[in-house]
Protein backbone atom coordinates (compact mmCIF):
# COMPACT_ATOMS: atom_id res chain seq x y z
CA UNK A 1 -9.78 9.28 -22.57
CA UNK A 2 -6.89 11.59 -21.75
CA UNK A 3 -4.86 11.19 -18.60
CA UNK A 4 -6.37 14.28 -16.95
CA UNK A 5 -9.90 12.93 -17.27
CA UNK A 6 -8.80 9.51 -16.04
CA UNK A 7 -7.05 11.15 -13.10
CA UNK A 8 -10.21 13.03 -12.14
CA UNK A 9 -12.43 9.99 -12.66
CA UNK A 10 -10.51 7.79 -10.24
CA UNK A 11 -9.19 10.41 -7.83
CA UNK A 12 -5.50 9.77 -8.44
CA UNK A 13 -2.97 12.34 -9.56
CA UNK A 14 -1.38 12.16 -12.97
CA UNK A 15 2.06 11.28 -11.59
CA UNK A 16 0.54 8.27 -9.83
CA UNK A 17 -1.08 7.11 -13.05
CA UNK A 18 2.22 7.39 -14.89
CA UNK A 19 3.97 5.50 -12.09
CA UNK A 20 1.34 2.75 -12.20
CA UNK A 21 1.87 2.53 -15.94
CA UNK A 22 5.64 2.15 -15.47
CA UNK A 23 5.06 -0.51 -12.78
CA UNK A 24 2.75 -2.48 -15.07
CA UNK A 25 -0.40 -1.91 -13.01
CA UNK A 26 -1.96 0.10 -15.81
CA UNK A 27 -1.55 -0.97 -19.40
CA UNK A 28 0.30 1.47 -21.61
CA UNK A 29 -2.35 3.25 -23.63
CA UNK A 30 -2.25 3.99 -27.31
CA UNK A 31 -1.03 7.45 -28.24
CA UNK A 32 -3.00 9.99 -30.20
CA UNK A 33 -1.40 11.78 -33.15
CA UNK A 34 -0.49 14.65 -30.82
CA UNK A 35 1.31 12.23 -28.46
CA UNK A 36 -1.30 12.31 -25.71
CA UNK A 37 -2.15 9.08 -23.96
CA UNK A 38 -5.59 7.71 -24.87
CA UNK A 39 -6.79 5.38 -22.11
CA UNK A 40 -9.66 2.95 -22.68
CA UNK A 41 -12.76 3.14 -20.45
CA UNK A 42 -11.76 -0.08 -18.66
CA UNK A 43 -8.75 1.77 -17.19
CA UNK A 44 -11.17 3.25 -14.64
CA UNK A 45 -12.23 -0.20 -13.44
CA UNK A 46 -8.62 -1.36 -13.27
CA UNK A 47 -7.54 1.66 -11.25
CA UNK A 48 -10.48 1.27 -8.87
CA UNK A 49 -9.31 -2.31 -8.32
CA UNK A 50 -5.80 -1.04 -7.56
CA UNK A 51 -7.11 1.60 -5.14
CA UNK A 52 -9.28 -0.91 -3.25
CA UNK A 53 -6.45 -3.42 -3.06
CA UNK A 54 -4.14 -0.73 -1.66
CA UNK A 55 -6.77 0.23 0.92
CA UNK A 56 -6.83 -3.31 2.32
CA UNK A 57 -3.03 -3.38 2.57
CA UNK A 58 -1.73 -5.04 -0.56
CA UNK A 59 1.59 -3.78 -1.92
CA UNK A 60 1.91 -2.73 -5.55
CA UNK A 61 3.79 -5.98 -6.27
CA UNK A 62 0.96 -8.00 -4.72
CA UNK A 63 -1.63 -5.95 -6.60
CA UNK A 64 0.18 -6.72 -9.84
CA UNK A 65 -0.12 -10.43 -9.02
CA UNK A 66 -3.82 -10.04 -8.20
CA UNK A 67 -4.39 -8.16 -11.45
CA UNK A 68 -2.75 -11.00 -13.37
CA UNK A 69 -5.22 -13.39 -11.77
CA UNK A 70 -8.12 -10.99 -12.29
CA UNK A 71 -7.35 -10.63 -16.01
CA UNK A 72 -7.28 -14.42 -16.49
CA UNK A 73 -9.97 -15.44 -13.99
CA UNK A 74 -10.92 -18.55 -15.92
CA UNK A 75 -7.40 -19.92 -15.51
CA UNK A 76 -7.35 -19.55 -11.70
CA UNK A 77 -9.37 -20.72 -8.74
CA UNK A 78 -10.94 -18.94 -5.82
CA UNK A 79 -8.70 -21.08 -3.64
CA UNK A 80 -5.60 -19.45 -5.16
CA UNK A 81 -6.94 -16.01 -4.34
CA UNK A 82 -7.97 -17.10 -0.85
CA UNK A 83 -4.48 -18.51 -0.15
CA UNK A 84 -3.03 -15.23 -1.42
CA UNK A 85 -5.20 -13.17 0.93
CA UNK A 86 -4.56 -15.59 3.82
CA UNK A 87 -0.84 -14.92 3.46
CA UNK A 88 -1.53 -11.18 3.59
CA UNK A 89 -3.70 -11.61 6.68
CA UNK A 90 -0.88 -13.54 8.36
CA UNK A 91 1.58 -10.80 7.47
CA UNK A 92 -0.74 -8.14 8.91
CA UNK A 93 -1.24 -10.19 12.09
CA UNK A 94 2.53 -10.45 12.52
CA UNK A 95 2.89 -6.68 12.07
CA UNK A 96 0.12 -6.04 14.61
CA UNK A 97 1.90 -8.26 17.15
CA UNK A 98 5.21 -6.50 16.50
CA UNK A 99 3.61 -3.08 16.86
CA UNK A 100 1.89 -4.18 20.07
CA UNK A 101 5.25 -5.24 21.52
CA UNK A 102 6.80 -1.93 20.48
CA UNK A 103 3.90 -0.02 22.03
CA UNK A 104 4.20 -1.94 25.32
CA UNK A 105 7.95 -1.32 25.51
CA UNK A 106 7.53 2.36 24.71
CA UNK A 107 4.76 2.75 27.28
CA UNK A 108 6.98 1.08 29.90
CA UNK A 109 9.93 3.42 29.37
CA UNK A 110 7.64 6.43 29.02
CA UNK A 111 5.90 5.66 32.32
CA UNK A 112 9.21 5.19 34.12
CA UNK A 113 10.30 8.77 33.33
CA UNK A 114 9.45 11.51 35.82
CA UNK A 115 9.33 14.12 33.07
CA UNK A 116 10.74 16.80 35.35
CA UNK A 117 12.77 19.91 34.59
CA UNK A 118 16.08 18.43 35.72
CA UNK A 119 18.77 17.68 33.16
CA UNK A 120 18.53 14.61 30.99
CA UNK A 121 21.77 13.28 32.52
CA UNK A 122 19.75 10.80 34.59
CA UNK A 123 16.74 10.39 32.29
CA UNK A 124 15.30 6.91 32.63
CA UNK A 125 14.18 6.86 28.99
CA UNK A 126 17.69 7.56 27.72
CA UNK A 127 19.12 5.05 30.20
CA UNK A 128 16.68 2.37 29.01
CA UNK A 129 17.62 3.00 25.39
CA UNK A 130 21.34 2.93 26.20
CA UNK A 131 21.24 -0.40 28.01
C-alpha cells in the first residue's frame, strides 16, 4: 500500500510515517518501479502499536525497544515487559511529584500577589523569583 493510504488508515501524517521509518519504528518498505513506497499490510498493526505506546507515555526510543521485544516475543518473557513498564511507571510517578511541587510553589507565589494596578516594582511574585 502507498504511503498516503497508510497515512489515512492509521491517522498519522505522511511526514510522521517517514520520520518513524528513519527512526527504525517502521521498516523501510520495498519501492515500486516508479519509486513509491509499497508498505505491507502489517505496517498498519505496527503503527497502531506505536500510537498506543505513545498514548501511554512511552518515548520513541522506548517504543523501539518494545517493538524489538514484540517482534521476537518467543525470545522474551512477560517479566521483561513488566519490568520495562514498571520503570516507566516510576518515571511518571517522579514527574507527577515534581509537577505537584512546582504547582504548589507557583500557587504560593501567585496567592501572595495582590494583583493590583500599582507598578511591578514591589511585586511579590517578582521578589519571590529574584530571591
